[in-house]
Amino acid sequence: MNLLLRDFAGDSVYLDTMLPYALLRGFDEQVRLFFERVEAGAIQAYTSVLTFDELAYRLILALVRERYGGSPLDVLREQEVTVLREIVPPVRAALEELTRLPNLYVVEVVADDLSVMTDSMERYQLRPRDALHYAVMVRLGCLNIASRDAHFDRIPGLTRYVP
């Protein structure tokens, strides 16, 4: 089931990568308002270190595209050290800023999450990364997710909130 993010009335939610990405890139007003609620303590938001891996990569690609044009992957292949030397400092600053956000809890991915991951890959036809996000959610007991990814709708009992 999916509902609008602005209508979220629960007390805890797991964040998929695109919500922090939208916040840091500043292109979604609903996401900004949602994070204001998190900062104010109305919502406890959870995410995992896996989200930060995905987020760092997406931010790097976006900044490379903006600064160099063309295909960011081609630019990285051709000039990886030079480009990363320039791009990583602002990405690092953005990630560190996000970790200081009140009421946003970044949790570990642990070995025990792997069995839930592989089970949900098979049971719900999820890709490994999304199945690992789901495994963390199960461990936390949080079945609300803020995400644009409709494939989470295949999981019974999970509620997806979309911006």
C-alpha atoms as a PDB file:
ATOM      1  CA  MET A   1       0.000   0.000   0.000  1.00  0.00           C
ATOM      2  CA  ASN A   2       1.264   3.520  -0.653  1.00  0.00           C
ATOM      3  CA  LEU A   3       0.206   6.844   0.811  1.00  0.00           C
ATOM      4  CA  LEU A   4       1.402  10.422   0.486  1.00  0.00           C
ATOM      5  CA  LEU A   5       4.431  11.381   2.551  1.00  0.00           C
ATOM      6  CA  ARG A   6       2.738  14.567   3.742  1.00  0.00           C
ATOM      7  CA  ASP A   7       0.034  12.388   5.331  1.00  0.00           C
ATOM      8  CA  PHE A   8       2.475  10.309   7.388  1.00  0.00           C
ATOM      9  CA  ALA A   9       1.047  10.167  10.908  1.00  0.00           C
ATOM     10  CA  GLY A  10       3.125   7.404  12.458  1.00  0.00           C
ATOM     11  CA  ASP A  11       6.064   7.814  14.761  1.00  0.00           C
ATOM     12  CA  SER A  12       8.793   5.992  12.812  1.00  0.00           C
ATOM     13  CA  VAL A  13       9.716   5.477   9.186  1.00  0.00           C
ATOM     14  CA  TYR A  14      12.619   3.998   7.247  1.00  0.00           C
ATOM     15  CA  LEU A  15      14.137   6.212   4.561  1.00  0.00           C
ATOM     16  CA  ASP A  16      15.085   4.915   1.150  1.00  0.00           C
ATOM     17  CA  THR A  17      17.958   6.665  -0.627  1.00  0.00           C
ATOM     18  CA  MET A  18      15.938   9.037  -2.758  1.00  0.00           C
ATOM     19  CA  LEU A  19      14.503  10.995   0.174  1.00  0.00           C
ATOM     20  CA  PRO A  20      17.831  12.155   1.600  1.00  0.00           C
ATOM     21  CA  TYR A  21      18.985  12.676  -1.995  1.00  0.00           C
ATOM     22  CA  ALA A  22      16.007  14.947  -2.720  1.00  0.00           C
ATOM     23  CA  LEU A  23      16.657  16.842   0.511  1.00  0.00           C
ATOM     24  CA  LEU A  24      20.340  17.400  -0.234  1.00  0.00           C
ATOM     25  CA  ARG A  25      19.700  18.345  -3.854  1.00  0.00           C
ATOM     26  CA  GLY A  26      16.830  20.650  -2.855  1.00  0.00           C
ATOM     27  CA  PHE A  27      14.361  19.654  -5.546  1.00  0.00           C
ATOM     28  CA  ASP A  28      11.310  18.459  -3.614  1.00  0.00           C
ATOM     29  CA  GLU A  29       9.324  20.721  -1.296  1.00  0.00           C
ATOM     30  CA  GLN A  30       7.360  17.821   0.246  1.00  0.00           C
ATOM     31  CA  VAL A  31      10.615  16.120   1.194  1.00  0.00           C
ATOM     32  CA  ARG A  32      11.946  19.315   2.779  1.00  0.00           C
ATOM     33  CA  LEU A  33       8.745  19.658   4.829  1.00  0.00           C
ATOM     34  CA  PHE A  34       8.972  16.003   5.861  1.00  0.00           C
ATOM     35  CA  PHE A  35      12.528  16.488   7.112  1.00  0.00           C
ATOM     36  CA  GLU A  36      11.404  19.523   9.094  1.00  0.00           C
ATOM     37  CA  ARG A  37       9.018  17.187  10.929  1.00  0.00           C
ATOM     38  CA  VAL A  38      11.900  14.783  11.558  1.00  0.00           C
ATOM     39  CA  GLU A  39      14.098  17.590  12.916  1.00  0.00           C
ATOM     40  CA  ALA A  40      11.268  18.767  15.181  1.00  0.00           C
ATOM     41  CA  GLY A  41      10.954  15.285  16.689  1.00  0.00           C
ATOM     42  CA  ALA A  42       7.490  14.508  15.321  1.00  0.00           C
ATOM     43  CA  ILE A  43       8.979  11.573  13.382  1.00  0.00           C
ATOM     44  CA  GLN A  44      11.800   9.175  14.168  1.00  0.00           C
ATOM     45  CA  ALA A  45      13.509   8.416  10.858  1.00  0.00           C
ATOM     46  CA  TYR A  46      15.731   5.384  10.333  1.00  0.00           C
ATOM     47  CA  THR A  47      18.028   4.455   7.521  1.00  0.00           C
ATOM     48  CA  SER A  48      21.089   2.266   7.157  1.00  0.00           C
ATOM     49  CA  VAL A  49      24.698   2.661   6.156  1.00  0.00           C
ATOM     50  CA  LEU A  50      23.636   1.039   2.876  1.00  0.00           C
ATOM     51  CA  THR A  51      21.596   4.169   2.154  1.00  0.00           C
ATOM     52  CA  PHE A  52      24.689   6.301   2.620  1.00  0.00           C
ATOM     53  CA  ASP A  53      26.613   4.141   0.144  1.00  0.00           C
ATOM     54  CA  GLU A  54      23.883   4.625  -2.458  1.00  0.00           C
ATOM     55  CA  LEU A  55      23.499   8.289  -1.598  1.00  0.00           C
ATOM     56  CA  ALA A  56      27.214   9.042  -1.930  1.00  0.00           C
ATOM     57  CA  TYR A  57      27.289   7.359  -5.334  1.00  0.00           C
ATOM     58  CA  ARG A  58      24.224   9.232  -6.610  1.00  0.00           C
ATOM     59  CA  LEU A  59      25.586  12.549  -5.362  1.00  0.00           C
ATOM     60  CA  ILE A  60      28.932  11.894  -7.047  1.00  0.00           C
ATOM     61  CA  LEU A  61      27.215  11.107 -10.349  1.00  0.00           C
ATOM     62  CA  ALA A  62      25.027  14.216 -10.139  1.00  0.00           C
ATOM     63  CA  LEU A  63      27.948  16.524  -9.384  1.00  0.00           C
ATOM     64  CA  VAL A  64      30.087  14.993 -12.129  1.00  0.00           C
ATOM     65  CA  ARG A  65      27.226  15.451 -14.609  1.00  0.00           C
ATOM     66  CA  GLU A  66      26.797  19.101 -13.563  1.00  0.00           C
ATOM     67  CA  ARG A  67      30.473  20.010 -13.592  1.00  0.00           C
ATOM     68  CA  TYR A  68      31.744  17.972 -16.526  1.00  0.00           C
ATOM     69  CA  GLY A  69      28.697  17.267 -18.700  1.00  0.00           C
ATOM     70  CA  GLY A  70      28.243  14.084 -20.679  1.00  0.00           C
ATOM     71  CA  SER A  71      28.133  10.665 -19.117  1.00  0.00           C
ATOM     72  CA  PRO A  72      29.336  10.766 -15.505  1.00  0.00           C
ATOM     73  CA  LEU A  73      30.458   7.145 -15.732  1.00  0.00           C
ATOM     74  CA  ASP A  74      32.613   7.909 -18.771  1.00  0.00           C
ATOM     75  CA  VAL A  75      34.101  10.945 -17.030  1.00  0.00           C
ATOM     76  CA  LEU A  76      34.885   8.861 -13.945  1.00  0.00           C
ATOM     77  CA  ARG A  77      36.480   6.095 -16.027  1.00  0.00           C
ATOM     78  CA  GLU A  78      38.703   8.581 -17.818  1.00  0.00           C
ATOM     79  CA  GLN A  79      39.641  10.887 -14.911  1.00  0.00           C
ATOM     80  CA  GLU A  80      38.696   9.078 -11.726  1.00  0.00           C
ATOM     81  CA  VAL A  81      41.386  10.378  -9.360  1.00  0.00           C
ATOM     82  CA  THR A  82      41.154  13.995 -10.521  1.00  0.00           C
ATOM     83  CA  VAL A  83      37.363  14.046 -10.509  1.00  0.00           C
ATOM     84  CA  LEU A  84      36.987  12.341  -7.133  1.00  0.00           C
ATOM     85  CA  ARG A  85      39.569  14.681  -5.595  1.00  0.00           C
ATOM     86  CA  GLU A  86      37.272  17.554  -6.596  1.00  0.00           C
ATOM     87  CA  ILE A  87      33.869  15.938  -6.007  1.00  0.00           C
ATOM     88  CA  VAL A  88      34.318  13.975  -2.777  1.00  0.00           C
ATOM     89  CA  PRO A  89      34.772  16.936  -0.374  1.00  0.00           C
ATOM     90  CA  PRO A  90      31.297  18.426  -1.044  1.00  0.00           C
ATOM     91  CA  VAL A  91      29.750  14.942  -0.998  1.00  0.00           C
ATOM     92  CA  ARG A  92      31.424  14.195   2.316  1.00  0.00           C
ATOM     93  CA  ALA A  93      30.191  17.499   3.763  1.00  0.00           C
ATOM     94  CA  ALA A  94      26.618  16.745   2.648  1.00  0.00           C
ATOM     95  CA  LEU A  95      26.688  13.250   4.159  1.00  0.00           C
ATOM     96  CA  GLU A  96      28.129  14.532   7.426  1.00  0.00           C
ATOM     97  CA  GLU A  97      25.455  17.227   7.580  1.00  0.00           C
ATOM     98  CA  LEU A  98      22.790  14.575   7.131  1.00  0.00           C
ATOM     99  CA  THR A  99      24.204  12.437   9.960  1.00  0.00           C
ATOM    100  CA  ARG A 100      23.846  15.403  12.316  1.00  0.00           C
ATOM    101  CA  LEU A 101      20.130  15.743  11.592  1.00  0.00           C
ATOM    102  CA  PRO A 102      18.184  15.304  14.853  1.00  0.00           C
ATOM    103  CA  ASN A 103      15.960  12.220  15.007  1.00  0.00           C
ATOM    104  CA  LEU A 104      17.601  10.554  11.995  1.00  0.00           C
ATOM    105  CA  TYR A 105      19.151   7.280  13.087  1.00  0.00           C
ATOM    106  CA  VAL A 106      21.670   5.541  10.855  1.00  0.00           C
ATOM    107  CA  VAL A 107      21.785   1.849  11.711  1.00  0.00           C
ATOM    108  CA  GLU A 108      24.150  -0.929  10.773  1.00  0.00           C
ATOM    109  CA  VAL A 109      23.600  -3.714   8.325  1.00  0.00           C
ATOM    110  CA  VAL A 110      24.479  -6.931  10.166  1.00  0.00           C
ATOM    111  CA  ALA A 111      25.190 -10.492   9.085  1.00  0.00           C
ATOM    112  CA  ASP A 112      21.821 -11.700  10.397  1.00  0.00           C
ATOM    113  CA  ASP A 113      20.117  -9.417   7.849  1.00  0.00           C
ATOM    114  CA  LEU A 114      21.373 -11.631   5.022  1.00  0.00           C
ATOM    115  CA  SER A 115      18.880 -14.451   5.574  1.00  0.00           C
ATOM    116  CA  VAL A 116      15.940 -12.028   5.519  1.00  0.00           C
ATOM    117  CA  MET A 117      17.470 -10.392   2.446  1.00  0.00           C
ATOM    118  CA  THR A 118      17.724 -13.618   0.443  1.00  0.00           C
ATOM    119  CA  ASP A 119      14.303 -14.789   1.612  1.00  0.00           C
ATOM    120  CA  SER A 120      12.648 -11.531   0.540  1.00  0.00           C
ATOM    121  CA  MET A 121      14.510 -11.546  -2.796  1.00  0.00           C
ATOM    122  CA  GLU A 122      12.855 -14.865  -3.546  1.00  0.00           C
ATOM    123  CA  ARG A 123       9.497 -14.267  -1.872  1.00  0.00           C
ATOM    124  CA  TYR A 124       8.846 -10.718  -3.141  1.00  0.00           C
ATOM    125  CA  GLN A 125      11.117 -10.585  -6.210  1.00  0.00           C
ATOM    126  CA  LEU A 126      13.209  -7.760  -4.772  1.00  0.00           C
ATOM    127  CA  ARG A 127      16.641  -6.743  -5.959  1.00  0.00           C
ATOM    128  CA  PRO A 128      19.399  -7.439  -3.417  1.00  0.00           C
ATOM    129  CA  ARG A 129      19.869  -3.844  -2.270  1.00  0.00           C
ATOM    130  CA  ASP A 130      16.138  -3.296  -1.704  1.00  0.00           C
ATOM    131  CA  ALA A 131      15.851  -6.673   0.001  1.00  0.00           C
ATOM    132  CA  LEU A 132      18.651  -5.632   2.342  1.00  0.00           C
ATOM    133  CA  HIS A 133      16.833  -2.384   3.158  1.00  0.00           C
ATOM    134  CA  TYR A 134      13.751  -4.469   3.937  1.00  0.00           C
ATOM    135  CA  ALA A 135      15.787  -6.819   6.151  1.00  0.00           C
ATOM    136  CA  VAL A 136      16.983  -3.859   8.211  1.00  0.00           C
ATOM    137  CA  MET A 137      13.391  -2.634   8.500  1.00  0.00           C
ATOM    138  CA  VAL A 138      12.257  -6.039   9.757  1.00  0.00           C
ATOM    139  CA  ARG A 139      15.023  -6.073  12.357  1.00  0.00           C
ATOM    140  CA  LEU A 140      13.991  -2.590  13.513  1.00  0.00           C
ATOM    141  CA  GLY A 141      10.295  -3.512  13.572  1.00  0.00           C
ATOM    142  CA  CYS A 142       9.558  -0.569  11.261  1.00  0.00           C
ATOM    143  CA  LEU A 143       7.225  -1.410   8.382  1.00  0.00           C
ATOM    144  CA  ASN A 144       6.798   2.142   7.070  1.00  0.00           C
ATOM    145  CA  ILE A 145       9.107   3.259   4.280  1.00  0.00           C
ATOM    146  CA  ALA A 146       9.476   6.628   2.602  1.00  0.00           C
ATOM    147  CA  SER A 147      10.347   5.723  -0.973  1.00  0.00           C
ATOM    148  CA  ARG A 148       9.508   6.342  -4.599  1.00  0.00           C
ATOM    149  CA  ASP A 149      10.196   2.671  -5.427  1.00  0.00           C
ATOM    150  CA  ALA A 150       6.919   0.902  -6.201  1.00  0.00           C
ATOM    151  CA  HIS A 151       8.434  -2.575  -5.920  1.00  0.00           C
ATOM    152  CA  PHE A 152       8.212  -2.218  -2.120  1.00  0.00           C
ATOM    153  CA  ASP A 153       4.428  -2.418  -2.633  1.00  0.00           C
ATOM    154  CA  ARG A 154       4.849  -6.167  -3.266  1.00  0.00           C
ATOM    155  CA  ILE A 155       5.574  -6.721   0.422  1.00  0.00           C
ATOM    156  CA  PRO A 156       2.403  -7.429   2.440  1.00  0.00           C
ATOM    157  CA  GLY A 157       2.115  -5.341   5.584  1.00  0.00           C
ATOM    158  CA  LEU A 158       4.581  -2.704   4.391  1.00  0.00           C
ATOM    159  CA  THR A 159       3.299   0.840   3.902  1.00  0.00           C
ATOM    160  CA  ARG A 160       5.153   3.042   1.434  1.00  0.00           C
ATOM    161  CA  TYR A 161       4.943   6.811   1.683  1.00  0.00           C
ATOM    162  CA  VAL A 162       5.654   8.762  -1.498  1.00  0.00           C
ATOM    163  CA  PRO A 163       6.530  12.449  -1.860  1.00  0.00           C
END
